[in-house]
Amino acid sequence: MTTTARETVLGRIRDALALSGPEPAPAVPRAYRTGRSLPDRERLDLLVDRLVDYRATVRTCTADRTAEVIAEALHAHGARRIGVPAGLDEAWLARYDGEVRRDDADVPAPRLAALDGVVTASAVTCAETGTIFLDGSPDQGRRALSLVPDLHVCVVDLSSVVVGVPEAVARLVPERPTTLISGPSATSDIELERVEGVHGPRTLDVVIRTDA
């Protein structure tokens, strides 16, 4: 079998690469803090402090007042037509007298802009950073639903609030689509002028259920 000059050259290159390949990457140290905990009152106070600093509105209630407080939040922002994920608890909307549209994946994302707001649940929340995690579960819906409307009323159970990011990530399923929310969507231009609502809701209203 005749070997061409090209095959000879490529063979030598392959041999050289095999002999001088990169060294195995060193093990990544993972000595960050994990497994931290705080009493309910301290986690709640820390989370509220962070959310308010981000200019979110925060309301706390017991589980039996969820529908009442959600209705108060929607009325406070003048939301008369809202979208909700397909799996959201219907009881949460029992006190709301506006139009409710259950979301569907077939609805084009631009049409969601016609909604006054959206109500969703949440997967887990980090008190230390004030970050709410949505994971696409039936009561949270697709990412577009929580990003396109101008108002997001998000329900957080205190039992799902953890201290830090490592604790929050440990509760998530890596294969699920995760959306992180740290206050209303905002950015700043070169002159540090804050602009809200650029790539997500302009207004975030968080309902924290303290006994759920």
Foldseek 3Di string as FASTA:
>chain_A
DDDDPVNVVVVVVVVVCVVDPDDDDDDDDDPDDDDDFDPLVVLVVLLVVQQVVLVAAEAEDAPVCQLVVVQVVCVVQPFQEEEFFPPADPVNPPPHDHHYHHDDPPDDLVVLQVGQEYEAEFQAAASNNSKTKHFCPRRHHDPSRQFRHQEYEYEYESVRYGHHDNHNVVRDDVVTDMDIDRYFAWDADPVRDIDTSPGGHRHYYYYYHHHD
